[in-house]
Amino acid sequence: MEYFPAPLEKLVEQFARLPGIGGKSAQRLAFFVLGLPEQDAQEFAAAILDAKRNITCCPVCQNFTSGGLCPICSSPKRDEHTICVVADPRDVAAIERSREFNGQYHVLHGVISPMNHVGPDDIAVKPLVERVAKGGVDEVIMATNPDTEGEATAMYIARLLKPFDIRVTRLAYGIPVGSHLEFADDATLMRALEGRQEI
């Protein structure tokens, strides 16, 4: 039995398709949108359509851009000899927030996941290999997540890049700042010990 008019039900269903949005959150969002003034609702819908039509992938790094090279690839201040490989455009934003990395990026748009029928040809591995093959790259930093798929993707790409005689590194993992050793799991402690540094 439907509690809401069909257009409202459809709006709730569309919001429920978003990642991390359950039924109740979808209802809240739908009611919020219904409460917007007509002009605000038009702007909201236009922003979605505008982003969908105008956001493309950078021809160099595959990150999102609004046409042409992304701001990072087009910046002369970035180190062209170091490439940080990430799974998702959101990961670029996370690393940029640290203000510690001054190289360029390569966005895979996914990770290898046989369980989800995602293979190397389904993500942007080939453009990365082509970039490295052109020369001028000294180091590739694998910054995929430390889970099974992220590790498998990092190892696969490292093997592909081995013939190019460049340095392929992996992000260090360990104990988060501000946490306690007693709460760390065995795998995290093992990684922290393996990645220890001199002080």
Foldseek 3Di string as FASTA:
>chain_A
DDPDPPVLVVQLVVQCPDPPAHNVNSNVVSVVLVPDDPVVNVVVVVVVVCCVPQWFAEPQAGATDRDYHHPLVPDPQAQAQEEEEEAHNVVVVVVVVVVPHRHHYHYFVHFDDVVVPRHSVNTPLVSVLVSVVVDNHAEYEQEYDPDPRSVVRLVVSCVSCVVSPHHYHYDQAADDPPDDPVPDDPVRHVSCVVPDDDD
